[in-house]
């Protein structure tokens, strides 16, 4: 949860001026830490991290647009609700725990940017 909260703090700081977002919070219905943010006036997106659930037993980060829109590379949009990267994938991409926050932040901002 700490890593996800750190990622979301960095994501919120990097959002464009005027992007409306909720503060990062623990959502009790999913037990994940997430925000929802405006991408455009007609589109919002959930950005967050789950400790694991019915979708994946492994912890993961997600980008969940509030629409069926999935622009750009279809390989990025790898989940029924948007895009996911697992903790193991983050560790592999970042070269270990020290880079997880940077890699996770980059994933979340990449998903946000694809929707713009």
C-alpha atoms as a PDB file:
ATOM      1  CA  UNK A   1       0.000   0.000   0.000  1.00  0.00           C
ATOM      2  CA  UNK A   2       2.844   2.386   0.750  1.00  0.00           C
ATOM      3  CA  UNK A   3       4.350   1.956  -2.705  1.00  0.00           C
ATOM      4  CA  UNK A   4       0.980   2.510  -4.393  1.00  0.00           C
ATOM      5  CA  UNK A   5       0.299   5.596  -2.261  1.00  0.00           C
ATOM      6  CA  UNK A   6       3.735   6.971  -3.202  1.00  0.00           C
ATOM      7  CA  UNK A   7       3.024   6.286  -6.893  1.00  0.00           C
ATOM      8  CA  UNK A   8      -0.344   8.003  -6.730  1.00  0.00           C
ATOM      9  CA  UNK A   9       1.169  11.060  -5.029  1.00  0.00           C
ATOM     10  CA  UNK A  10       3.618  11.334  -7.929  1.00  0.00           C
ATOM     11  CA  UNK A  11       0.871  10.757 -10.506  1.00  0.00           C
ATOM     12  CA  UNK A  12      -1.369  13.445  -8.992  1.00  0.00           C
ATOM     13  CA  UNK A  13       1.534  15.901  -8.970  1.00  0.00           C
ATOM     14  CA  UNK A  14       2.195  15.169 -12.662  1.00  0.00           C
ATOM     15  CA  UNK A  15      -1.382  15.503 -13.936  1.00  0.00           C
ATOM     16  CA  UNK A  16      -2.017  18.475 -16.198  1.00  0.00           C
ATOM     17  CA  UNK A  17      -3.306  21.694 -14.691  1.00  0.00           C
ATOM     18  CA  UNK A  18      -7.072  21.567 -14.380  1.00  0.00           C
ATOM     19  CA  UNK A  19      -7.286  17.786 -14.104  1.00  0.00           C
ATOM     20  CA  UNK A  20      -9.879  17.122 -11.449  1.00  0.00           C
ATOM     21  CA  UNK A  21      -9.051  14.190  -9.188  1.00  0.00           C
ATOM     22  CA  UNK A  22     -10.000  12.609  -5.910  1.00  0.00           C
ATOM     23  CA  UNK A  23      -7.353  12.221  -3.245  1.00  0.00           C
ATOM     24  CA  UNK A  24      -5.783   8.779  -2.970  1.00  0.00           C
ATOM     25  CA  UNK A  25      -7.876   6.619  -0.687  1.00  0.00           C
ATOM     26  CA  UNK A  26      -8.513   3.055   0.323  1.00  0.00           C
ATOM     27  CA  UNK A  27     -11.729   1.976  -1.418  1.00  0.00           C
ATOM     28  CA  UNK A  28     -13.476  -0.462   0.942  1.00  0.00           C
ATOM     29  CA  UNK A  29     -15.475  -2.301  -1.724  1.00  0.00           C
ATOM     30  CA  UNK A  30     -12.256  -3.476  -3.435  1.00  0.00           C
ATOM     31  CA  UNK A  31      -9.677  -2.868  -0.693  1.00  0.00           C
ATOM     32  CA  UNK A  32      -7.472  -1.082  -3.218  1.00  0.00           C
ATOM     33  CA  UNK A  33      -5.755   2.291  -3.072  1.00  0.00           C
ATOM     34  CA  UNK A  34      -6.848   4.488  -5.958  1.00  0.00           C
ATOM     35  CA  UNK A  35      -7.840   7.857  -7.349  1.00  0.00           C
ATOM     36  CA  UNK A  36     -10.205   8.819 -10.076  1.00  0.00           C
ATOM     37  CA  UNK A  37      -9.165  11.646 -12.327  1.00  0.00           C
ATOM     38  CA  UNK A  38     -10.525  13.561 -15.272  1.00  0.00           C
ATOM     39  CA  UNK A  39      -8.733  12.962 -18.542  1.00  0.00           C
ATOM     40  CA  UNK A  40     -10.993  15.203 -20.602  1.00  0.00           C
ATOM     41  CA  UNK A  41     -14.349  16.810 -19.819  1.00  0.00           C
ATOM     42  CA  UNK A  42     -16.088  13.669 -21.136  1.00  0.00           C
ATOM     43  CA  UNK A  43     -13.800  10.999 -19.606  1.00  0.00           C
ATOM     44  CA  UNK A  44     -12.542   9.942 -16.180  1.00  0.00           C
ATOM     45  CA  UNK A  45     -10.167   7.133 -15.260  1.00  0.00           C
ATOM     46  CA  UNK A  46      -9.413   5.097 -12.147  1.00  0.00           C
ATOM     47  CA  UNK A  47      -5.707   4.754 -11.340  1.00  0.00           C
ATOM     48  CA  UNK A  48      -4.693   2.504  -8.501  1.00  0.00           C
ATOM     49  CA  UNK A  49      -3.319  -0.670  -7.030  1.00  0.00           C
ATOM     50  CA  UNK A  50      -4.949  -3.830  -5.763  1.00  0.00           C
ATOM     51  CA  UNK A  51      -3.452  -6.303  -3.281  1.00  0.00           C
ATOM     52  CA  UNK A  52      -5.007  -9.051  -5.405  1.00  0.00           C
ATOM     53  CA  UNK A  53      -8.589 -10.097  -5.957  1.00  0.00           C
ATOM     54  CA  UNK A  54     -10.828 -12.262  -8.139  1.00  0.00           C
ATOM     55  CA  UNK A  55      -9.132 -10.895 -11.250  1.00  0.00           C
ATOM     56  CA  UNK A  56      -5.571 -11.655 -10.097  1.00  0.00           C
ATOM     57  CA  UNK A  57      -4.214 -13.298  -6.971  1.00  0.00           C
ATOM     58  CA  UNK A  58      -1.050 -11.216  -7.357  1.00  0.00           C
ATOM     59  CA  UNK A  59      -0.932  -7.506  -6.445  1.00  0.00           C
ATOM     60  CA  UNK A  60      -1.291  -5.253  -9.486  1.00  0.00           C
ATOM     61  CA  UNK A  61      -1.621  -1.669 -10.670  1.00  0.00           C
ATOM     62  CA  UNK A  62      -4.427  -0.688 -12.982  1.00  0.00           C
ATOM     63  CA  UNK A  63      -5.675   1.991 -15.347  1.00  0.00           C
ATOM     64  CA  UNK A  64      -9.452   1.785 -15.626  1.00  0.00           C
ATOM     65  CA  UNK A  65     -11.137   4.191 -18.043  1.00  0.00           C
ATOM     66  CA  UNK A  66     -14.794   4.949 -17.371  1.00  0.00           C
ATOM     67  CA  UNK A  67     -15.597   4.202 -21.016  1.00  0.00           C
ATOM     68  CA  UNK A  68     -14.921   1.478 -23.566  1.00  0.00           C
ATOM     69  CA  UNK A  69     -12.256   3.683 -25.148  1.00  0.00           C
ATOM     70  CA  UNK A  70      -8.860   1.935 -25.434  1.00  0.00           C
ATOM     71  CA  UNK A  71      -6.684   4.071 -27.747  1.00  0.00           C
ATOM     72  CA  UNK A  72      -3.287   3.126 -29.087  1.00  0.00           C
ATOM     73  CA  UNK A  73      -1.533  -0.201 -28.698  1.00  0.00           C
ATOM     74  CA  UNK A  74      -4.108  -2.900 -27.889  1.00  0.00           C
ATOM     75  CA  UNK A  75      -1.364  -4.832 -26.080  1.00  0.00           C
ATOM     76  CA  UNK A  76      -1.341  -2.182 -23.355  1.00  0.00           C
ATOM     77  CA  UNK A  77      -5.065  -2.674 -22.662  1.00  0.00           C
ATOM     78  CA  UNK A  78      -4.690  -6.212 -21.322  1.00  0.00           C
ATOM     79  CA  UNK A  79      -7.600  -6.437 -18.842  1.00  0.00           C
ATOM     80  CA  UNK A  80     -11.376  -6.374 -19.299  1.00  0.00           C
ATOM     81  CA  UNK A  81     -11.504  -3.112 -17.330  1.00  0.00           C
ATOM     82  CA  UNK A  82      -8.434  -1.435 -18.871  1.00  0.00           C
ATOM     83  CA  UNK A  83      -4.748  -2.111 -18.275  1.00  0.00           C
ATOM     84  CA  UNK A  84      -2.870  -4.023 -15.586  1.00  0.00           C
ATOM     85  CA  UNK A  85       0.721  -4.602 -14.584  1.00  0.00           C
ATOM     86  CA  UNK A  86       1.476  -7.106 -11.820  1.00  0.00           C
ATOM     87  CA  UNK A  87       3.950  -6.599  -9.023  1.00  0.00           C
ATOM     88  CA  UNK A  88       6.197  -9.298 -10.527  1.00  0.00           C
ATOM     89  CA  UNK A  89       6.153  -7.487 -13.882  1.00  0.00           C
ATOM     90  CA  UNK A  90       7.004  -4.216 -12.129  1.00  0.00           C
ATOM     91  CA  UNK A  91       9.891  -5.830 -10.284  1.00  0.00           C
ATOM     92  CA  UNK A  92      11.228  -7.298 -13.533  1.00  0.00           C
ATOM     93  CA  UNK A  93      10.832  -4.009 -15.424  1.00  0.00           C
ATOM     94  CA  UNK A  94      12.422  -1.929 -12.678  1.00  0.00           C
ATOM     95  CA  UNK A  95      15.382  -4.137 -11.849  1.00  0.00           C
ATOM     96  CA  UNK A  96      14.236  -4.712  -8.272  1.00  0.00           C
ATOM     97  CA  UNK A  97      12.336  -3.122  -5.442  1.00  0.00           C
ATOM     98  CA  UNK A  98      14.212   0.187  -5.568  1.00  0.00           C
ATOM     99  CA  UNK A  99      12.704   1.107  -8.921  1.00  0.00           C
ATOM    100  CA  UNK A 100       9.160  -0.139  -8.347  1.00  0.00           C
ATOM    101  CA  UNK A 101       7.710   3.273  -7.482  1.00  0.00           C
ATOM    102  CA  UNK A 102       9.252   4.891 -10.570  1.00  0.00           C
ATOM    103  CA  UNK A 103       8.157   2.041 -12.862  1.00  0.00           C
ATOM    104  CA  UNK A 104       4.650   1.993 -11.403  1.00  0.00           C
ATOM    105  CA  UNK A 105       4.289   5.749 -11.686  1.00  0.00           C
ATOM    106  CA  UNK A 106       5.410   5.553 -15.313  1.00  0.00           C
ATOM    107  CA  UNK A 107       2.828   2.822 -16.037  1.00  0.00           C
ATOM    108  CA  UNK A 108      -0.028   4.831 -14.502  1.00  0.00           C
ATOM    109  CA  UNK A 109       0.971   8.041 -16.293  1.00  0.00           C
ATOM    110  CA  UNK A 110       1.377   6.145 -19.567  1.00  0.00           C
ATOM    111  CA  UNK A 111      -2.180   4.852 -19.292  1.00  0.00           C
ATOM    112  CA  UNK A 112      -3.489   8.304 -18.441  1.00  0.00           C
ATOM    113  CA  UNK A 113      -1.604   9.800 -21.376  1.00  0.00           C
ATOM    114  CA  UNK A 114      -2.946   7.232 -23.845  1.00  0.00           C
ATOM    115  CA  UNK A 115      -6.466   8.378 -23.005  1.00  0.00           C
ATOM    116  CA  UNK A 116      -5.750  12.066 -23.657  1.00  0.00           C
END
